[in-house]
Protein backbone atom coordinates (compact mmCIF):
# COMPACT_ATOMS: atom_id res chain seq x y z
CA UNK A 1 166.18 -13.85 -151.33
CA UNK A 2 165.11 -11.60 -148.44
CA UNK A 3 167.53 -9.62 -146.38
CA UNK A 4 167.50 -9.71 -142.59
CA UNK A 5 166.03 -6.21 -142.52
CA UNK A 6 163.13 -7.24 -144.82
CA UNK A 7 162.37 -10.30 -142.69
CA UNK A 8 162.39 -8.27 -139.46
CA UNK A 9 160.18 -5.59 -140.99
CA UNK A 10 157.58 -8.26 -141.82
CA UNK A 11 157.80 -10.21 -138.55
CA UNK A 12 157.70 -7.28 -136.10
CA UNK A 13 154.20 -6.05 -137.09
CA UNK A 14 152.80 -9.61 -136.89
CA UNK A 15 154.35 -10.20 -133.45
CA UNK A 16 153.17 -6.76 -132.28
CA UNK A 17 149.57 -7.44 -133.33
CA UNK A 18 149.66 -10.89 -131.68
CA UNK A 19 151.02 -9.40 -128.45
CA UNK A 20 148.40 -6.63 -128.49
CA UNK A 21 145.60 -9.17 -128.99
CA UNK A 22 146.93 -11.33 -126.15
CA UNK A 23 147.01 -8.37 -123.76
CA UNK A 24 143.53 -7.18 -124.76
CA UNK A 25 141.98 -10.64 -124.48
CA UNK A 26 143.55 -11.42 -121.12
CA UNK A 27 142.42 -8.05 -119.75
CA UNK A 28 138.89 -8.69 -120.96
CA UNK A 29 138.89 -12.15 -119.37
CA UNK A 30 140.12 -10.79 -116.06
CA UNK A 31 137.55 -7.99 -116.06
CA UNK A 32 134.76 -10.38 -117.02
CA UNK A 33 135.77 -12.78 -114.25
CA UNK A 34 135.81 -9.99 -111.69
CA UNK A 35 132.49 -8.56 -112.84
CA UNK A 36 130.62 -11.86 -112.94
CA UNK A 37 131.06 -12.71 -109.26
CA UNK A 38 128.15 -11.29 -107.33
CA UNK A 39 127.23 -11.53 -103.69
CA UNK A 40 123.53 -11.09 -102.92
CA UNK A 41 122.68 -8.89 -99.94
CA UNK A 42 120.95 -11.13 -97.38
CA UNK A 43 121.31 -9.29 -94.06
CA UNK A 44 117.97 -9.03 -92.25
CA UNK A 45 115.08 -11.30 -91.39
CA UNK A 46 113.78 -14.14 -93.56
CA UNK A 47 110.77 -16.42 -92.95
CA UNK A 48 110.31 -19.84 -94.42
CA UNK A 49 109.01 -23.39 -94.35
CA UNK A 50 110.64 -26.79 -94.58
CA UNK A 51 109.42 -30.32 -95.23
CA UNK A 52 110.90 -33.79 -95.19
CA UNK A 53 112.07 -35.72 -92.14
CA UNK A 54 111.40 -32.51 -90.19
CA UNK A 55 108.59 -30.18 -91.23
CA UNK A 56 107.65 -26.77 -89.95
CA UNK A 57 108.49 -23.10 -90.19
CA UNK A 58 111.59 -21.08 -89.43
CA UNK A 59 112.87 -17.54 -89.12
CA UNK A 60 116.42 -16.61 -90.16
CA UNK A 61 118.22 -13.58 -88.73
CA UNK A 62 121.21 -12.86 -90.98
CA UNK A 63 124.27 -10.67 -90.53
CA UNK A 64 126.52 -10.43 -93.56
CA UNK A 65 130.14 -9.46 -94.19
CA UNK A 66 130.87 -9.76 -97.92
CA UNK A 67 130.06 -13.40 -98.73
CA UNK A 68 130.14 -14.58 -95.09
CA UNK A 69 126.87 -15.11 -93.19
CA UNK A 70 126.21 -15.45 -89.48
CA UNK A 71 123.19 -15.18 -87.26
CA UNK A 72 120.50 -17.45 -85.91
CA UNK A 73 117.65 -19.65 -87.02
CA UNK A 74 114.48 -20.20 -85.01
CA UNK A 75 112.91 -23.57 -85.84
CA UNK A 76 109.44 -24.83 -85.01
CA UNK A 77 110.58 -28.51 -85.15
CA UNK A 78 112.83 -29.31 -83.38
CA UNK A 79 111.83 -26.19 -81.47
CA UNK A 80 114.58 -23.76 -80.56
CA UNK A 81 116.85 -20.98 -81.69
CA UNK A 82 120.23 -22.03 -83.03
CA UNK A 83 123.37 -20.22 -84.17
CA UNK A 84 124.15 -20.43 -87.90
CA UNK A 85 127.09 -19.64 -90.14
CA UNK A 86 127.42 -19.89 -93.88
CA UNK A 87 128.29 -18.23 -97.15
CA UNK A 88 126.68 -16.92 -100.31
CA UNK A 89 128.26 -16.41 -103.72
CA UNK A 90 126.88 -16.10 -107.25
CA UNK A 91 123.35 -16.85 -106.06
CA UNK A 92 124.34 -20.03 -104.21
CA UNK A 93 123.93 -20.27 -100.45
CA UNK A 94 125.10 -22.80 -97.87
CA UNK A 95 124.76 -22.63 -94.12
CA UNK A 96 124.59 -24.85 -91.09
CA UNK A 97 122.88 -24.98 -87.74
CA UNK A 98 125.41 -27.13 -85.89
CA UNK A 99 123.44 -27.46 -82.64
CA UNK A 100 120.33 -28.50 -84.59
CA UNK A 101 122.37 -30.96 -86.66
CA UNK A 102 121.32 -29.58 -90.06
CA UNK A 103 123.08 -28.19 -93.10
CA UNK A 104 121.32 -26.21 -95.83
CA UNK A 105 122.20 -25.56 -99.47
CA UNK A 106 120.29 -23.71 -102.15
CA UNK A 107 119.94 -20.70 -104.38
CA UNK A 108 119.02 -17.06 -103.79
CA UNK A 109 117.13 -14.86 -106.21
CA UNK A 110 115.97 -11.40 -105.16
CA UNK A 111 113.80 -11.66 -102.04
CA UNK A 112 113.52 -15.46 -102.03
CA UNK A 113 115.73 -18.50 -101.56
CA UNK A 114 115.17 -22.25 -101.59
CA UNK A 115 117.01 -25.53 -101.51
CA UNK A 116 117.56 -28.73 -99.55
CA UNK A 117 118.61 -29.52 -96.02
CA UNK A 118 120.37 -32.57 -94.64
CA UNK A 119 119.88 -33.86 -91.09
CA UNK A 120 120.55 -37.10 -89.24
CA UNK A 121 117.09 -38.31 -90.36
CA UNK A 122 117.58 -37.56 -94.06
CA UNK A 123 117.11 -34.88 -96.71
CA UNK A 124 114.27 -32.37 -97.04
CA UNK A 125 113.44 -29.15 -98.84
CA UNK A 126 113.15 -25.55 -97.65
CA UNK A 127 112.17 -22.12 -98.96
CA UNK A 128 112.23 -18.62 -97.50
CA UNK A 129 111.43 -15.01 -98.33
CA UNK A 130 112.78 -11.74 -96.96
CA UNK A 131 110.57 -10.05 -94.37
CA UNK A 132 112.88 -7.14 -93.45
CA UNK A 133 116.35 -5.80 -94.17
């Protein structure tokens, strides 16, 4: 039969190793979660095209604060320059031109982005590339 001292001397190392592993794994998970979130740098001018219920070309003028976007979009159809706001995170972008009645979603990779837009007339596609920073 084991004494209390023998039992404790066997249990303490096992509990210590388990606690150490828990701390190490949770720290790695936290660091990995913090490191995986990326925000692409989009500030500057972008040119693009869109097709669907509305078709034409556009120019985006972005300002960026962390993941928040603001600026303007100049559309060929319906013609005009409209204020836009949006966000970008982990290569995904969403923004809206409220006065034009359109919302845009898509992905960003390097100097290009693309996706879909939704308007009162339906859904279409869009793509753009950076022209200046």
